PDB file of N, CA and C in Angstrom:
ATOM      1  N   MET A   1      67.537 103.822 109.329  1.00  0.00           N
ATOM      2  CA  MET A   1      68.753 103.240 109.862  1.00  0.00           C
ATOM      3  C   MET A   1      69.713 102.913 108.705  1.00  0.00           C
ATOM      4  N   ILE A   2      70.950 103.265 108.867  1.00  0.00           N
ATOM      5  CA  ILE A   2      71.948 103.045 107.816  1.00  0.00           C
ATOM      6  C   ILE A   2      72.581 101.661 108.022  1.00  0.00           C
ATOM      7  N   PRO A   3      72.580 100.824 106.988  1.00  0.00           N
ATOM      8  CA  PRO A   3      73.191  99.497 107.110  1.00  0.00           C
ATOM      9  C   PRO A   3      74.695  99.585 107.407  1.00  0.00           C
ATOM     10  N   ALA A   4      75.202  98.578 108.108  1.00  0.00           N
ATOM     11  CA  ALA A   4      76.619  98.534 108.478  1.00  0.00           C
ATOM     12  C   ALA A   4      77.526  98.554 107.250  1.00  0.00           C
ATOM     13  N   LEU A   5      77.071  97.953 106.147  1.00  0.00           N
ATOM     14  CA  LEU A   5      77.854  97.929 104.910  1.00  0.00           C
ATOM     15  C   LEU A   5      78.111  99.353 104.414  1.00  0.00           C
ATOM     16  N   VAL A   6      77.090 100.208 104.505  1.00  0.00           N
ATOM     17  CA  VAL A   6      77.213 101.607 104.082  1.00  0.00           C
ATOM     18  C   VAL A   6      78.131 102.359 105.041  1.00  0.00           C
ATOM     19  N   LYS A   7      77.960 102.117 106.340  1.00  0.00           N
ATOM     20  CA  LYS A   7      78.797 102.794 107.339  1.00  0.00           C
ATOM     21  C   LYS A   7      80.272 102.467 107.126  1.00  0.00           C
ATOM     22  N   ARG A   8      80.571 101.200 106.892  1.00  0.00           N
ATOM     23  CA  ARG A   8      81.963 100.769 106.722  1.00  0.00           C
ATOM     24  C   ARG A   8      82.592 101.417 105.488  1.00  0.00           C
ATOM     25  N   LEU A   9      81.887 101.397 104.362  1.00  0.00           N
ATOM     26  CA  LEU A   9      82.426 102.005 103.150  1.00  0.00           C
ATOM     27  C   LEU A   9      82.564 103.514 103.322  1.00  0.00           C
ATOM     28  N   THR A  10      81.626 104.134 104.035  1.00  0.00           N
ATOM     29  CA  THR A  10      81.706 105.572 104.315  1.00  0.00           C
ATOM     30  C   THR A  10      82.967 105.887 105.107  1.00  0.00           C
ATOM     31  N   GLU A  11      83.263 105.074 106.126  1.00  0.00           N
ATOM     32  CA  GLU A  11      84.485 105.256 106.922  1.00  0.00           C
ATOM     33  C   GLU A  11      85.733 105.149 106.051  1.00  0.00           C
ATOM     34  N   GLN A  12      85.755 104.151 105.180  1.00  0.00           N
ATOM     35  CA  GLN A  12      86.918 103.944 104.324  1.00  0.00           C
ATOM     36  C   GLN A  12      87.119 105.121 103.372  1.00  0.00           C
ATOM     37  N   LEU A  13      86.044 105.615 102.800  1.00  0.00           N
ATOM     38  CA  LEU A  13      86.144 106.740 101.873  1.00  0.00           C
ATOM     39  C   LEU A  13      86.558 108.014 102.609  1.00  0.00           C
ATOM     40  N   ALA A  14      86.064 108.193 103.839  1.00  0.00           N
ATOM     41  CA  ALA A  14      86.439 109.365 104.641  1.00  0.00           C
ATOM     42  C   ALA A  14      87.923 109.312 104.986  1.00  0.00           C
ATOM     43  N   GLU A  15      88.428 108.118 105.307  1.00  0.00           N
ATOM     44  CA  GLU A  15      89.856 107.963 105.616  1.00  0.00           C
ATOM     45  C   GLU A  15      90.725 108.311 104.414  1.00  0.00           C
ATOM     46  N   GLN A  16      90.192 108.111 103.214  1.00  0.00           N
ATOM     47  CA  GLN A  16      90.925 108.451 101.995  1.00  0.00           C
ATOM     48  C   GLN A  16      90.834 109.944 101.680  1.00  0.00           C
ATOM     49  N   GLY A  17      90.026 110.671 102.468  1.00  0.00           N
ATOM     50  CA  GLY A  17      89.891 112.110 102.264  1.00  0.00           C
ATOM     51  C   GLY A  17      88.889 112.492 101.186  1.00  0.00           C
ATOM     52  N   ARG A  18      87.991 111.587 100.840  1.00  0.00           N
ATOM     53  CA  ARG A  18      86.992 111.887  99.807  1.00  0.00           C
ATOM     54  C   ARG A  18      85.956 112.863 100.342  1.00  0.00           C
ATOM     55  N   SER A  19      85.468 113.750  99.479  1.00  0.00           N
ATOM     56  CA  SER A  19      84.399 114.656  99.893  1.00  0.00           C
ATOM     57  C   SER A  19      83.062 113.922  99.757  1.00  0.00           C
ATOM     58  N   ASN A  20      82.152 114.205 100.660  1.00  0.00           N
ATOM     59  CA  ASN A  20      80.836 113.558 100.705  1.00  0.00           C
ATOM     60  C   ASN A  20      80.951 112.028 100.696  1.00  0.00           C
ATOM     61  N   PRO A  21      81.660 111.456 101.663  1.00  0.00           N
ATOM     62  CA  PRO A  21      81.891 110.008 101.640  1.00  0.00           C
ATOM     63  C   PRO A  21      80.619 109.165 101.735  1.00  0.00           C
ATOM     64  N   GLN A  22      79.621 109.631 102.497  1.00  0.00           N
ATOM     65  CA  GLN A  22      78.407 108.824 102.619  1.00  0.00           C
ATOM     66  C   GLN A  22      77.629 108.793 101.305  1.00  0.00           C
ATOM     67  N   GLU A  23      77.523 109.922 100.639  1.00  0.00           N
ATOM     68  CA  GLU A  23      76.842 109.957  99.339  1.00  0.00           C
ATOM     69  C   GLU A  23      77.573 109.078  98.331  1.00  0.00           C
ATOM     70  N   MET A  24      78.899 109.126  98.362  1.00  0.00           N
ATOM     71  CA  MET A  24      79.697 108.316  97.448  1.00  0.00           C
ATOM     72  C   MET A  24      79.511 106.831  97.756  1.00  0.00           C
ATOM     73  N   ALA A  25      79.501 106.474  99.044  1.00  0.00           N
ATOM     74  CA  ALA A  25      79.315 105.080  99.445  1.00  0.00           C
ATOM     75  C   ALA A  25      77.962 104.561  98.963  1.00  0.00           C
ATOM     76  N   ILE A  26      76.937 105.354  99.133  1.00  0.00           N
ATOM     77  CA  ILE A  26      75.591 104.954  98.695  1.00  0.00           C
ATOM     78  C   ILE A  26      75.564 104.765  97.187  1.00  0.00           C
ATOM     79  N   ALA A  27      76.177 105.687  96.451  1.00  0.00           N
ATOM     80  CA  ALA A  27      76.200 105.583  94.986  1.00  0.00           C
ATOM     81  C   ALA A  27      76.953 104.328  94.539  1.00  0.00           C
ATOM     82  N   ILE A  28      78.089 104.044  95.173  1.00  0.00           N
ATOM     83  CA  ILE A  28      78.879 102.855  94.817  1.00  0.00           C
ATOM     84  C   ILE A  28      78.088 101.583  95.074  1.00  0.00           C
ATOM     85  N   LEU A  29      77.481 101.498  96.255  1.00  0.00           N
ATOM     86  CA  LEU A  29      76.738 100.285  96.623  1.00  0.00           C
ATOM     87  C   LEU A  29      75.463 100.106  95.803  1.00  0.00           C
ATOM     88  N   MET A  30      74.844 101.217  95.400  1.00  0.00           N
ATOM     89  CA  MET A  30      73.669 101.115  94.518  1.00  0.00           C
ATOM     90  C   MET A  30      74.089 100.604  93.146  1.00  0.00           C
ATOM     91  N   LYS A  31      75.208 101.097  92.645  1.00  0.00           N
ATOM     92  CA  LYS A  31      75.714 100.663  91.339  1.00  0.00           C
ATOM     93  C   LYS A  31      76.044  99.175  91.346  1.00  0.00           C
ATOM     94  N   ARG A  32      76.584  98.686  92.469  1.00  0.00           N
ATOM     95  CA  ARG A  32      76.915  97.271  92.603  1.00  0.00           C
ATOM     96  C   ARG A  32      75.690  96.400  92.860  1.00  0.00           C
ATOM     97  N   GLY A  33      74.566  97.041  93.189  1.00  0.00           N
ATOM     98  CA  GLY A  33      73.341  96.286  93.451  1.00  0.00           C
ATOM     99  C   GLY A  33      73.232  95.779  94.874  1.00  0.00           C
ATOM    100  N   HIS A  34      73.979  96.364  95.799  1.00  0.00           N
ATOM    101  CA  HIS A  34      73.949  95.927  97.189  1.00  0.00           C
ATOM    102  C   HIS A  34      72.910  96.662  98.025  1.00  0.00           C
ATOM    103  N   ILE A  35      72.481  97.853  97.588  1.00  0.00           N
ATOM    104  CA  ILE A  35      71.430  98.581  98.280  1.00  0.00           C
ATOM    105  C   ILE A  35      70.440  99.134  97.256  1.00  0.00           C
ATOM    106  N   ALA A  36      69.238  99.452  97.749  1.00  0.00           N
ATOM    107  CA  ALA A  36      68.208 100.036  96.896  1.00  0.00           C
ATOM    108  C   ALA A  36      67.462 101.100  97.698  1.00  0.00           C
ATOM    109  N   LYS A  37      66.885 102.053  97.011  1.00  0.00           N
ATOM    110  CA  LYS A  37      66.100 103.083  97.690  1.00  0.00           C
ATOM    111  C   LYS A  37      64.827 102.456  98.215  1.00  0.00           C
ATOM    112  N   ASP A  38      64.448 102.891  99.415  1.00  0.00           N
ATOM    113  CA  ASP A  38      63.244 102.394 100.061  1.00  0.00           C
ATOM    114  C   ASP A  38      62.511 103.590 100.647  1.00  0.00           C
ATOM    115  N   GLY A  39      61.662 104.216  99.846  1.00  0.00           N
ATOM    116  CA  GLY A  39      60.994 105.440 100.297  1.00  0.00           C
ATOM    117  C   GLY A  39      62.017 106.543 100.466  1.00  0.00           C
ATOM    118  N   ASP A  40      62.133 107.062 101.690  1.00  0.00           N
ATOM    119  CA  ASP A  40      63.105 108.114 101.984  1.00  0.00           C
ATOM    120  C   ASP A  40      64.467 107.559 102.387  1.00  0.00           C
ATOM    121  N   GLY A  41      64.546 106.256 102.614  1.00  0.00           N
ATOM    122  CA  GLY A  41      65.792 105.659 103.080  1.00  0.00           C
ATOM    123  C   GLY A  41      66.374 104.686 102.074  1.00  0.00           C
ATOM    124  N   ILE A  42      67.233 103.823 102.577  1.00  0.00           N
ATOM    125  CA  ILE A  42      67.845 102.793 101.753  1.00  0.00           C
ATOM    126  C   ILE A  42      67.722 101.461 102.473  1.00  0.00           C
ATOM    127  N   LYS A  43      67.751 100.392 101.705  1.00  0.00           N
ATOM    128  CA  LYS A  43      67.719  99.058 102.305  1.00  0.00           C
ATOM    129  C   LYS A  43      68.675  98.157 101.544  1.00  0.00           C
ATOM    130  N   LEU A  44      69.120  97.124 102.229  1.00  0.00           N
ATOM    131  CA  LEU A  44      70.010  96.147 101.606  1.00  0.00           C
ATOM    132  C   LEU A  44      69.225  95.247 100.664  1.00  0.00           C
ATOM    133  N   THR A  45      69.810  94.924  99.536  1.00  0.00           N
ATOM    134  CA  THR A  45      69.236  93.917  98.651  1.00  0.00           C
ATOM    135  C   THR A  45      69.708  92.554  99.171  1.00  0.00           C
ATOM    136  N   ALA A  46      69.278  91.488  98.535  1.00  0.00           N
ATOM    137  CA  ALA A  46      69.702  90.146  98.956  1.00  0.00           C
ATOM    138  C   ALA A  46      71.223  90.012  98.855  1.00  0.00           C
ATOM    139  N   SER A  47      71.811  90.524  97.761  1.00  0.00           N
ATOM    140  CA  SER A  47      73.266  90.430  97.620  1.00  0.00           C
ATOM    141  C   SER A  47      73.974  91.344  98.621  1.00  0.00           C
ATOM    142  N   GLY A  48      73.355  92.469  98.948  1.00  0.00           N
ATOM    143  CA  GLY A  48      73.927  93.375  99.947  1.00  0.00           C
ATOM    144  C   GLY A  48      73.918  92.757 101.331  1.00  0.00           C
ATOM    145  N   LYS A  49      72.840  92.069 101.669  1.00  0.00           N
ATOM    146  CA  LYS A  49      72.765  91.394 102.960  1.00  0.00           C
ATOM    147  C   LYS A  49      73.821  90.303 103.042  1.00  0.00           C
ATOM    148  N   GLN A  50      73.993  89.590 101.932  1.00  0.00           N
ATOM    149  CA  GLN A  50      75.004  88.532 101.880  1.00  0.00           C
ATOM    150  C   GLN A  50      76.403  89.121 102.098  1.00  0.00           C
ATOM    151  N   ARG A  51      76.708  90.252 101.450  1.00  0.00           N
ATOM    152  CA  ARG A  51      78.011  90.907 101.612  1.00  0.00           C
ATOM    153  C   ARG A  51      78.191  91.402 103.049  1.00  0.00           C
ATOM    154  N   GLN A  52      77.148  91.990 103.604  1.00  0.00           N
ATOM    155  CA  GLN A  52      77.229  92.506 104.968  1.00  0.00           C
ATOM    156  C   GLN A  52      77.458  91.365 105.956  1.00  0.00           C
ATOM    157  N   ASP A  53      76.798  90.239 105.728  1.00  0.00           N
ATOM    158  CA  ASP A  53      76.937  89.087 106.621  1.00  0.00           C
ATOM    159  C   ASP A  53      78.349  88.494 106.580  1.00  0.00           C
ATOM    160  N   LEU A  54      79.086  88.716 105.488  1.00  0.00           N
ATOM    161  CA  LEU A  54      80.466  88.237 105.404  1.00  0.00           C
ATOM    162  C   LEU A  54      81.358  88.931 106.431  1.00  0.00           C
ATOM    163  N   GLY A  55      81.054  90.182 106.727  1.00  0.00           N
ATOM    164  CA  GLY A  55      81.902  90.953 107.637  1.00  0.00           C
ATOM    165  C   GLY A  55      83.131  91.470 106.914  1.00  0.00           C
ATOM    166  N   ASN A  56      83.918  92.265 107.624  1.00  0.00           N
ATOM    167  CA  ASN A  56      85.111  92.868 107.014  1.00  0.00           C
ATOM    168  C   ASN A  56      86.088  91.815 106.516  1.00  0.00           C
ATOM    169  N   ALA A  57      86.366  90.831 107.353  1.00  0.00           N
ATOM    170  CA  ALA A  57      87.331  89.787 106.982  1.00  0.00           C
ATOM    171  C   ALA A  57      86.838  88.984 105.791  1.00  0.00           C
ATOM    172  N   GLY A  58      85.582  88.609 105.816  1.00  0.00           N
ATOM    173  CA  GLY A  58      85.020  87.816 104.724  1.00  0.00           C
ATOM    174  C   GLY A  58      85.047  88.555 103.398  1.00  0.00           C
ATOM    175  N   ARG A  59      84.732  89.846 103.442  1.00  0.00           N
ATOM    176  CA  ARG A  59      84.765  90.638 102.202  1.00  0.00           C
ATOM    177  C   ARG A  59      86.184  90.767 101.675  1.00  0.00           C
ATOM    178  N   ALA A  60      87.148  90.975 102.567  1.00  0.00           N
ATOM    179  CA  ALA A  60      88.552  91.098 102.137  1.00  0.00           C
ATOM    180  C   ALA A  60      89.039  89.795 101.509  1.00  0.00           C
ATOM    181  N   MET A  61      88.693  88.670 102.127  1.00  0.00           N
ATOM    182  CA  MET A  61      89.121  87.375 101.577  1.00  0.00           C
ATOM    183  C   MET A  61      88.393  87.067 100.271  1.00  0.00           C
ATOM    184  N   ASP A  62      87.134  87.497 100.164  1.00  0.00           N
ATOM    185  CA  ASP A  62      86.380  87.308  98.932  1.00  0.00           C
ATOM    186  C   ASP A  62      86.991  88.122  97.796  1.00  0.00           C
ATOM    187  N   ARG A  63      87.394  89.366  98.096  1.00  0.00           N
ATOM    188  CA  ARG A  63      88.063  90.203  97.081  1.00  0.00           C
ATOM    189  C   ARG A  63      89.369  89.562  96.636  1.00  0.00           C
ATOM    190  N   ALA A  64      90.131  89.063  97.598  1.00  0.00           N
ATOM    191  CA  ALA A  64      91.419  88.440  97.272  1.00  0.00           C
ATOM    192  C   ALA A  64      91.216  87.211  96.383  1.00  0.00           C
ATOM    193  N   GLU A  65      90.194  86.422  96.693  1.00  0.00           N
ATOM    194  CA  GLU A  65      89.889  85.245  95.868  1.00  0.00           C
ATOM    195  C   GLU A  65      89.532  85.669  94.450  1.00  0.00           C
ATOM    196  N   LYS A  66      88.746  86.711  94.331  1.00  0.00           N
ATOM    197  CA  LYS A  66      88.346  87.218  93.014  1.00  0.00           C
ATOM    198  C   LYS A  66      89.555  87.709  92.224  1.00  0.00           C
ATOM    199  N   TYR A  67      90.440  88.460  92.889  1.00  0.00           N
ATOM    200  CA  TYR A  67      91.613  89.005  92.210  1.00  0.00           C
ATOM    201  C   TYR A  67      92.613  87.924  91.815  1.00  0.00           C
ATOM    202  N   SER A  68      92.567  86.774  92.489  1.00  0.00           N
ATOM    203  CA  SER A  68      93.496  85.689  92.146  1.00  0.00           C
ATOM    204  C   SER A  68      93.056  84.958  90.879  1.00  0.00           C
ATOM    205  N   GLY A  69      91.873  85.293  90.391  1.00  0.00           N
ATOM    206  CA  GLY A  69      91.377  84.645  89.181  1.00  0.00           C
ATOM    207  C   GLY A  69      90.981  83.195  89.408  1.00  0.00           C
ATOM    208  N   GLY A  70      90.640  82.855  90.634  1.00  0.00           N
ATOM    209  CA  GLY A  70      90.219  81.490  90.936  1.00  0.00           C
ATOM    210  C   GLY A  70      91.362  80.554  91.289  1.00  0.00           C
ATOM    211  N   LYS A  71      92.592  81.071  91.324  1.00  0.00           N
ATOM    212  CA  LYS A  71      93.739  80.223  91.672  1.00  0.00           C
ATOM    213  C   LYS A  71      93.718  79.835  93.145  1.00  0.00           C
ATOM    214  N   HIS A  72      93.145  80.701  93.981  1.00  0.00           N
ATOM    215  CA  HIS A  72      93.128  80.454  95.422  1.00  0.00           C
ATOM    216  C   HIS A  72      91.716  80.639  95.965  1.00  0.00           C
ATOM    217  N   LYS A  73      91.358  79.825  96.955  1.00  0.00           N
ATOM    218  CA  LYS A  73      90.062  79.935  97.618  1.00  0.00           C
ATOM    219  C   LYS A  73      90.165  80.964  98.740  1.00  0.00           C
ATOM    220  N   ALA A  74      89.010  81.514  99.132  1.00  0.00           N
ATOM    221  CA  ALA A  74      88.989  82.500 100.212  1.00  0.00           C
ATOM    222  C   ALA A  74      89.582  81.930 101.495  1.00  0.00           C
ATOM    223  N   SER A  75      89.405  80.640 101.731  1.00  0.00           N
ATOM    224  CA  SER A  75      89.917  80.006 102.955  1.00  0.00           C
ATOM    225  C   SER A  75      91.447  79.937 102.992  1.00  0.00           C
ATOM    226  N   GLU A  76      92.098  80.193 101.864  1.00  0.00           N
ATOM    227  CA  GLU A  76      93.557  80.153 101.807  1.00  0.00           C
ATOM    228  C   GLU A  76      94.187  81.488 102.230  1.00  0.00           C
ATOM    229  N   TYR A  77      93.357  82.439 102.592  1.00  0.00           N
ATOM    230  CA  TYR A  77      93.832  83.763 102.964  1.00  0.00           C
ATOM    231  C   TYR A  77      93.652  84.005 104.450  1.00  0.00           C
ATOM    232  N   SER A  78      94.481  84.881 104.999  1.00  0.00           N
ATOM    233  CA  SER A  78      94.297  85.351 106.365  1.00  0.00           C
ATOM    234  C   SER A  78      94.038  86.854 106.292  1.00  0.00           C
ATOM    235  N   TYR A  79      93.288  87.364 107.258  1.00  0.00           N
ATOM    236  CA  TYR A  79      92.855  88.755 107.259  1.00  0.00           C
ATOM    237  C   TYR A  79      93.647  89.571 108.270  1.00  0.00           C
ATOM    238  N   ASP A  80      94.069  90.759 107.870  1.00  0.00           N
ATOM    239  CA  ASP A  80      94.742  91.701 108.760  1.00  0.00           C
ATOM    240  C   ASP A  80      93.808  92.895 108.966  1.00  0.00           C
ATOM    241  N   SER A  81      93.274  93.022 110.174  1.00  0.00           N
ATOM    242  CA  SER A  81      92.293  94.080 110.443  1.00  0.00           C
ATOM    243  C   SER A  81      92.918  95.469 110.420  1.00  0.00           C
ATOM    244  N   LEU A  82      94.214  95.578 110.624  1.00  0.00           N
ATOM    245  CA  LEU A  82      94.863  96.894 110.596  1.00  0.00           C
ATOM    246  C   LEU A  82      94.946  97.460 109.188  1.00  0.00           C
ATOM    247  N   THR A  83      95.137  96.585 108.201  1.00  0.00           N
ATOM    248  CA  THR A  83      95.261  97.043 106.820  1.00  0.00           C
ATOM    249  C   THR A  83      94.019  96.745 105.990  1.00  0.00           C
ATOM    250  N   ASN A  84      93.077  95.970 106.558  1.00  0.00           N
ATOM    251  CA  ASN A  84      91.861  95.544 105.859  1.00  0.00           C
ATOM    252  C   ASN A  84      92.211  94.779 104.580  1.00  0.00           C
ATOM    253  N   ARG A  85      93.249  93.968 104.664  1.00  0.00           N
ATOM    254  CA  ARG A  85      93.690  93.189 103.505  1.00  0.00           C
ATOM    255  C   ARG A  85      93.796  91.722 103.868  1.00  0.00           C
ATOM    256  N   ALA A  86      93.638  90.912 102.856  1.00  0.00           N
ATOM    257  CA  ALA A  86      93.804  89.471 103.009  1.00  0.00           C
ATOM    258  C   ALA A  86      95.059  89.052 102.258  1.00  0.00           C
ATOM    259  N   THR A  87      95.872  88.233 102.903  1.00  0.00           N
ATOM    260  CA  THR A  87      97.086  87.736 102.271  1.00  0.00           C
ATOM    261  C   THR A  87      97.085  86.214 102.336  1.00  0.00           C
ATOM    262  N   LEU A  88      97.775  85.614 101.398  1.00  0.00           N
ATOM    263  CA  LEU A  88      97.836  84.154 101.371  1.00  0.00           C
ATOM    264  C   LEU A  88      98.517  83.620 102.618  1.00  0.00           C
ATOM    265  N   LYS A  89      97.934  82.571 103.160  1.00  0.00           N
ATOM    266  CA  LYS A  89      98.551  81.905 104.299  1.00  0.00           C
ATOM    267  C   LYS A  89      99.762  81.138 103.779  1.00  0.00           C
ATOM    268  N   PRO A  90     100.795  80.999 104.605  1.00  0.00           N
ATOM    269  CA  PRO A  90     101.946  80.203 104.159  1.00  0.00           C
ATOM    270  C   PRO A  90     101.532  78.750 103.948  1.00  0.00           C
ATOM    271  N   LYS A  91     102.072  78.135 102.923  1.00  0.00           N
ATOM    272  CA  LYS A  91     101.744  76.734 102.647  1.00  0.00           C
ATOM    273  C   LYS A  91     102.483  75.844 103.625  1.00  0.00           C
ATOM    274  N   LYS A  92     101.788  74.831 104.073  1.00  0.00           N
ATOM    275  CA  LYS A  92     102.404  73.865 104.980  1.00  0.00           C
ATOM    276  C   LYS A  92     102.924  72.711 104.139  1.00  0.00           C
ATOM    277  N   LEU A  93     104.117  72.320 104.428  1.00  0.00           N
ATOM    278  CA  LEU A  93     104.713  71.213 103.701  1.00  0.00           C
ATOM    279  C   LEU A  93     104.582  69.947 104.538  1.00  0.00           C
ATOM    280  N   PHE A  94     103.956  68.964 103.951  1.00  0.00           N
ATOM    281  CA  PHE A  94     103.795  67.689 104.620  1.00  0.00           C
ATOM    282  C   PHE A  94     104.537  66.623 103.824  1.00  0.00           C
ATOM    283  N   THR A  95     105.175  65.757 104.512  1.00  0.00           N
ATOM    284  CA  THR A  95     105.831  64.638 103.841  1.00  0.00           C
ATOM    285  C   THR A  95     105.165  63.369 104.309  1.00  0.00           C
ATOM    286  N   LYS A  96     104.897  62.517 103.390  1.00  0.00           N
ATOM    287  CA  LYS A  96     104.290  61.233 103.722  1.00  0.00           C
ATOM    288  C   LYS A  96     105.407  60.206 103.888  1.00  0.00           C
ATOM    289  N   MET A  97     105.332  59.525 104.972  1.00  0.00           N
ATOM    290  CA  MET A  97     106.343  58.485 105.231  1.00  0.00           C
ATOM    291  C   MET A  97     105.672  57.127 105.106  1.00  0.00           C
ATOM    292  N   LYS A  98     106.362  56.225 104.454  1.00  0.00           N
ATOM    293  CA  LYS A  98     105.856  54.859 104.328  1.00  0.00           C
ATOM    294  C   LYS A  98     106.101  54.102 105.612  1.00  0.00           C
ATOM    295  N   ARG A  99     105.131  53.335 105.981  1.00  0.00           N
ATOM    296  CA  ARG A  99     105.317  52.497 107.150  1.00  0.00           C
ATOM    297  C   ARG A  99     106.031  51.221 106.726  1.00  0.00           C
ATOM    298  N   MET A 100     106.939  50.809 107.498  1.00  0.00           N
ATOM    299  CA  MET A 100     107.694  49.608 107.179  1.00  0.00           C
ATOM    300  C   MET A 100     107.329  48.486 108.093  1.00  0.00           C
TER     301      MET A 100
END
């Protein structure tokens, strides 16, 4: 059985027009340490299971947090499923009023 993490990356690579997208996805995820060979098949490592459990939105927000260099937390982003991207949520401005 192919893990959902591999299927998703395979879809993304195929959409980009890459040749042999599934082989490329497996190679990328093995290099990152998210999957390992298991006999004739593949299995998720602990970090791979953690990434898969994040889901598409969680992974996109995690990438955005990483690219921000720690300036923004993943919770500060919103996910767009059409573009598979996370963008910063607009900041809310609050004013504190003194009680008289």
